[in-house]
C-alpha atoms as a PDB file:
ATOM      1  CA  MET A   1      -2.667   9.319  -1.543  1.00  0.00           C
ATOM      2  CA  GLY A   2      -5.058   8.360   1.197  1.00  0.00           C
ATOM      3  CA  PHE A   3      -8.785   8.691   1.546  1.00  0.00           C
ATOM      4  CA  GLU A   4     -10.393  11.055   4.032  1.00  0.00           C
ATOM      5  CA  ASN A   5     -12.895   8.397   5.048  1.00  0.00           C
ATOM      6  CA  ASP A   6     -11.286   5.436   6.810  1.00  0.00           C
ATOM      7  CA  GLY A   7     -14.699   3.750   6.480  1.00  0.00           C
ATOM      8  CA  PHE A   8     -14.229   3.654   2.707  1.00  0.00           C
ATOM      9  CA  VAL A   9     -11.044   1.666   3.111  1.00  0.00           C
ATOM     10  CA  LEU A  10     -12.612  -0.687   5.637  1.00  0.00           C
ATOM     11  CA  SER A  11     -15.908  -1.244   3.910  1.00  0.00           C
ATOM     12  CA  GLU A  12     -14.807  -1.364   0.311  1.00  0.00           C
ATOM     13  CA  LEU A  13     -11.190  -2.374  -0.076  1.00  0.00           C
ATOM     14  CA  LEU A  14     -10.562  -4.589   2.948  1.00  0.00           C
ATOM     15  CA  ARG A  15     -13.524  -6.772   1.970  1.00  0.00           C
ATOM     16  CA  ARG A  16     -12.312  -7.363  -1.570  1.00  0.00           C
ATOM     17  CA  LYS A  17     -11.781 -10.962  -2.538  1.00  0.00           C
ATOM     18  CA  ASP A  18      -8.542 -10.079  -4.321  1.00  0.00           C
ATOM     19  CA  ARG A  19      -6.938  -8.701  -1.135  1.00  0.00           C
ATOM     20  CA  GLU A  20      -3.592 -10.348  -0.324  1.00  0.00           C
ATOM     21  CA  GLU A  21      -0.718  -9.676   2.049  1.00  0.00           C
ATOM     22  CA  ALA A  22       1.814  -7.880  -0.151  1.00  0.00           C
ATOM     23  CA  ILE A  23       5.043  -9.825   0.477  1.00  0.00           C
ATOM     24  CA  SER A  24       3.278 -13.187   0.106  1.00  0.00           C
ATOM     25  CA  TRP A  25       1.541 -12.033  -3.071  1.00  0.00           C
ATOM     26  CA  LEU A  26       4.809 -10.831  -4.597  1.00  0.00           C
ATOM     27  CA  ARG A  27       6.570 -14.115  -3.745  1.00  0.00           C
ATOM     28  CA  LEU A  28       3.732 -16.294  -5.021  1.00  0.00           C
ATOM     29  CA  GLY A  29       3.834 -14.497  -8.358  1.00  0.00           C
ATOM     30  CA  LYS A  30       7.236 -16.016  -9.168  1.00  0.00           C
ATOM     31  CA  GLY A  31       8.329 -12.862 -10.946  1.00  0.00           C
ATOM     32  CA  LYS A  32       4.943 -12.090 -12.504  1.00  0.00           C
ATOM     33  CA  HIS A  33       3.512  -9.796  -9.801  1.00  0.00           C
ATOM     34  CA  ASN A  34       4.429  -6.167  -9.213  1.00  0.00           C
ATOM     35  CA  ILE A  35       3.217  -2.914  -7.709  1.00  0.00           C
ATOM     36  CA  GLY A  36       2.432  -0.116 -10.113  1.00  0.00           C
ATOM     37  CA  GLU A  37       4.899  -0.004 -12.934  1.00  0.00           C
ATOM     38  CA  ILE A  38       7.938  -0.778 -10.815  1.00  0.00           C
ATOM     39  CA  SER A  39      10.016  -3.941 -11.002  1.00  0.00           C
ATOM     40  CA  LEU A  40       9.545  -6.947  -8.751  1.00  0.00           C
ATOM     41  CA  GLN A  41      12.728  -6.060  -6.820  1.00  0.00           C
ATOM     42  CA  LYS A  42      11.569  -2.488  -6.242  1.00  0.00           C
ATOM     43  CA  SER A  43       8.080  -3.716  -5.330  1.00  0.00           C
ATOM     44  CA  LYS A  44       9.560  -6.024  -2.686  1.00  0.00           C
ATOM     45  CA  LYS A  45      11.754  -3.224  -1.336  1.00  0.00           C
ATOM     46  CA  LEU A  46       8.814  -0.822  -1.156  1.00  0.00           C
ATOM     47  CA  VAL A  47       6.785  -3.274   0.934  1.00  0.00           C
ATOM     48  CA  ALA A  48       9.790  -4.234   3.082  1.00  0.00           C
ATOM     49  CA  ASP A  49      10.395  -0.529   3.767  1.00  0.00           C
ATOM     50  CA  LEU A  50       6.802  -0.045   4.927  1.00  0.00           C
ATOM     51  CA  TYR A  51       7.210  -2.948   7.353  1.00  0.00           C
ATOM     52  CA  LYS A  52      10.562  -1.537   8.486  1.00  0.00           C
ATOM     53  CA  PHE A  53       8.871   1.824   9.136  1.00  0.00           C
ATOM     54  CA  GLY A  54       6.391   0.051  11.428  1.00  0.00           C
ATOM     55  CA  ALA A  55       3.434  -1.063   9.299  1.00  0.00           C
ATOM     56  CA  ARG A  56       1.498  -3.813  11.051  1.00  0.00           C
ATOM     57  CA  GLN A  57       0.417  -5.231   7.698  1.00  0.00           C
ATOM     58  CA  VAL A  58       0.609  -4.267   4.023  1.00  0.00           C
ATOM     59  CA  ASP A  59      -2.048  -5.617   1.662  1.00  0.00           C
ATOM     60  CA  VAL A  60      -2.460  -5.387  -2.088  1.00  0.00           C
ATOM     61  CA  VAL A  61      -5.974  -4.909  -3.490  1.00  0.00           C
ATOM     62  CA  ASP A  62      -7.600  -4.236  -6.832  1.00  0.00           C
ATOM     63  CA  ILE A  63      -5.258  -6.626  -8.627  1.00  0.00           C
ATOM     64  CA  GLY A  64      -5.333  -6.615 -12.407  1.00  0.00           C
ATOM     65  CA  THR A  65      -4.099  -9.402 -14.643  1.00  0.00           C
ATOM     66  CA  ASN A  66      -2.960  -9.150 -18.236  1.00  0.00           C
ATOM     67  CA  ALA A  67      -1.084 -11.719 -20.324  1.00  0.00           C
ATOM     68  CA  GLY A  68      -0.152 -13.807 -17.285  1.00  0.00           C
ATOM     69  CA  PHE A  69       1.178 -10.894 -15.239  1.00  0.00           C
ATOM     70  CA  SER A  70      -0.577  -9.336 -12.229  1.00  0.00           C
ATOM     71  CA  SER A  71      -0.197  -5.822 -10.936  1.00  0.00           C
ATOM     72  CA  THR A  72      -1.816  -3.447  -8.497  1.00  0.00           C
ATOM     73  CA  ASP A  73      -1.719   0.288  -7.981  1.00  0.00           C
ATOM     74  CA  SER A  74      -3.357  -0.018  -4.552  1.00  0.00           C
ATOM     75  CA  LEU A  75      -1.890  -0.799  -1.151  1.00  0.00           C
ATOM     76  CA  ILE A  76      -3.544  -0.743   2.243  1.00  0.00           C
ATOM     77  CA  VAL A  77      -1.223  -0.223   5.174  1.00  0.00           C
ATOM     78  CA  THR A  78      -2.440  -1.239   8.617  1.00  0.00           C
ATOM     79  CA  LEU A  79      -0.892   1.483  10.715  1.00  0.00           C
ATOM     80  CA  PRO A  80       0.957   1.061  14.002  1.00  0.00           C
ATOM     81  CA  ARG A  81      -0.225   2.822  17.154  1.00  0.00           C
ATOM     82  CA  GLU A  82       3.174   4.303  18.011  1.00  0.00           C
ATOM     83  CA  LYS A  83       3.397   7.967  16.953  1.00  0.00           C
ATOM     84  CA  LYS A  84       7.023   7.766  15.794  1.00  0.00           C
ATOM     85  CA  ARG A  85       6.318   4.805  13.494  1.00  0.00           C
ATOM     86  CA  ARG A  86       3.109   6.350  12.183  1.00  0.00           C
ATOM     87  CA  LYS A  87       4.983   9.564  11.413  1.00  0.00           C
ATOM     88  CA  ARG A  88       7.611   7.656   9.425  1.00  0.00           C
ATOM     89  CA  ILE A  89       4.936   5.969   7.299  1.00  0.00           C
ATOM     90  CA  PHE A  90       3.032   9.220   6.747  1.00  0.00           C
ATOM     91  CA  ASP A  91       6.248  11.076   5.864  1.00  0.00           C
ATOM     92  CA  TRP A  92       7.038   8.420   3.255  1.00  0.00           C
ATOM     93  CA  SER A  93       3.455   8.468   1.933  1.00  0.00           C
ATOM     94  CA  ASP A  94       3.447  12.275   1.783  1.00  0.00           C
ATOM     95  CA  THR A  95       6.601  12.252  -0.344  1.00  0.00           C
ATOM     96  CA  GLN A  96       5.011   9.758  -2.739  1.00  0.00           C
ATOM     97  CA  ALA A  97       1.797  11.797  -2.945  1.00  0.00           C
ATOM     98  CA  ILE A  98       3.591  15.064  -3.663  1.00  0.00           C
ATOM     99  CA  GLU A  99       5.674  13.421  -6.405  1.00  0.00           C
ATOM    100  CA  MET A 100       2.422  12.338  -8.092  1.00  0.00           C
ATOM    101  CA  GLY A 101       0.782  15.747  -7.671  1.00  0.00           C
ATOM    102  CA  LEU A 102      -1.594  14.583  -4.936  1.00  0.00           C
ATOM    103  CA  ASP A 103      -2.308  16.057  -1.533  1.00  0.00           C
ATOM    104  CA  PRO A 104      -0.637  14.389   1.442  1.00  0.00           C
ATOM    105  CA  GLU A 105      -2.861  12.433   3.810  1.00  0.00           C
ATOM    106  CA  PRO A 106      -2.895  13.759   7.378  1.00  0.00           C
ATOM    107  CA  ASP A 107      -2.660  11.426  10.341  1.00  0.00           C
ATOM    108  CA  ARG A 108      -6.099  11.599  11.949  1.00  0.00           C
ATOM    109  CA  GLY A 109      -5.649   8.506  14.062  1.00  0.00           C
ATOM    110  CA  GLN A 110      -7.003   6.225  11.346  1.00  0.00           C
ATOM    111  CA  LYS A 111      -6.270   2.482  11.417  1.00  0.00           C
ATOM    112  CA  HIS A 112      -5.428   2.168   7.725  1.00  0.00           C
ATOM    113  CA  LEU A 113      -3.728   4.208   5.049  1.00  0.00           C
ATOM    114  CA  PHE A 114      -4.599   3.705   1.406  1.00  0.00           C
ATOM    115  CA  ILE A 115      -1.631   4.227  -0.914  1.00  0.00           C
ATOM    116  CA  TRP A 116      -2.276   4.578  -4.623  1.00  0.00           C
ATOM    117  CA  PHE A 117       0.339   4.643  -7.359  1.00  0.00           C
ATOM    118  CA  ASP A 118      -0.481   6.659 -10.453  1.00  0.00           C
END
């Protein structure tokens, strides 16, 4: 789910021109933006949950457009410093990773967590 090298996230994904704050991007799409293959409502809930868990920011990156619709499989979560909040985000991310057959990402004190939807 995440990448072992926080530098990859910082140097490659955070500098992308198509990077947008997730809630704003979903709202601006007027029903034509989503995360992965889930509905707009579920996309909004997913992002809202990450903020509720303590994310400092959630960004979408690597946005693809087809026939007037935009979607991304890639989120970058700016992690909180508080251990309890970090644990909640990592627990959620670990569940998602395992469901997709990926290895969970350990908390190594990184600033960002890359979340990819297969």
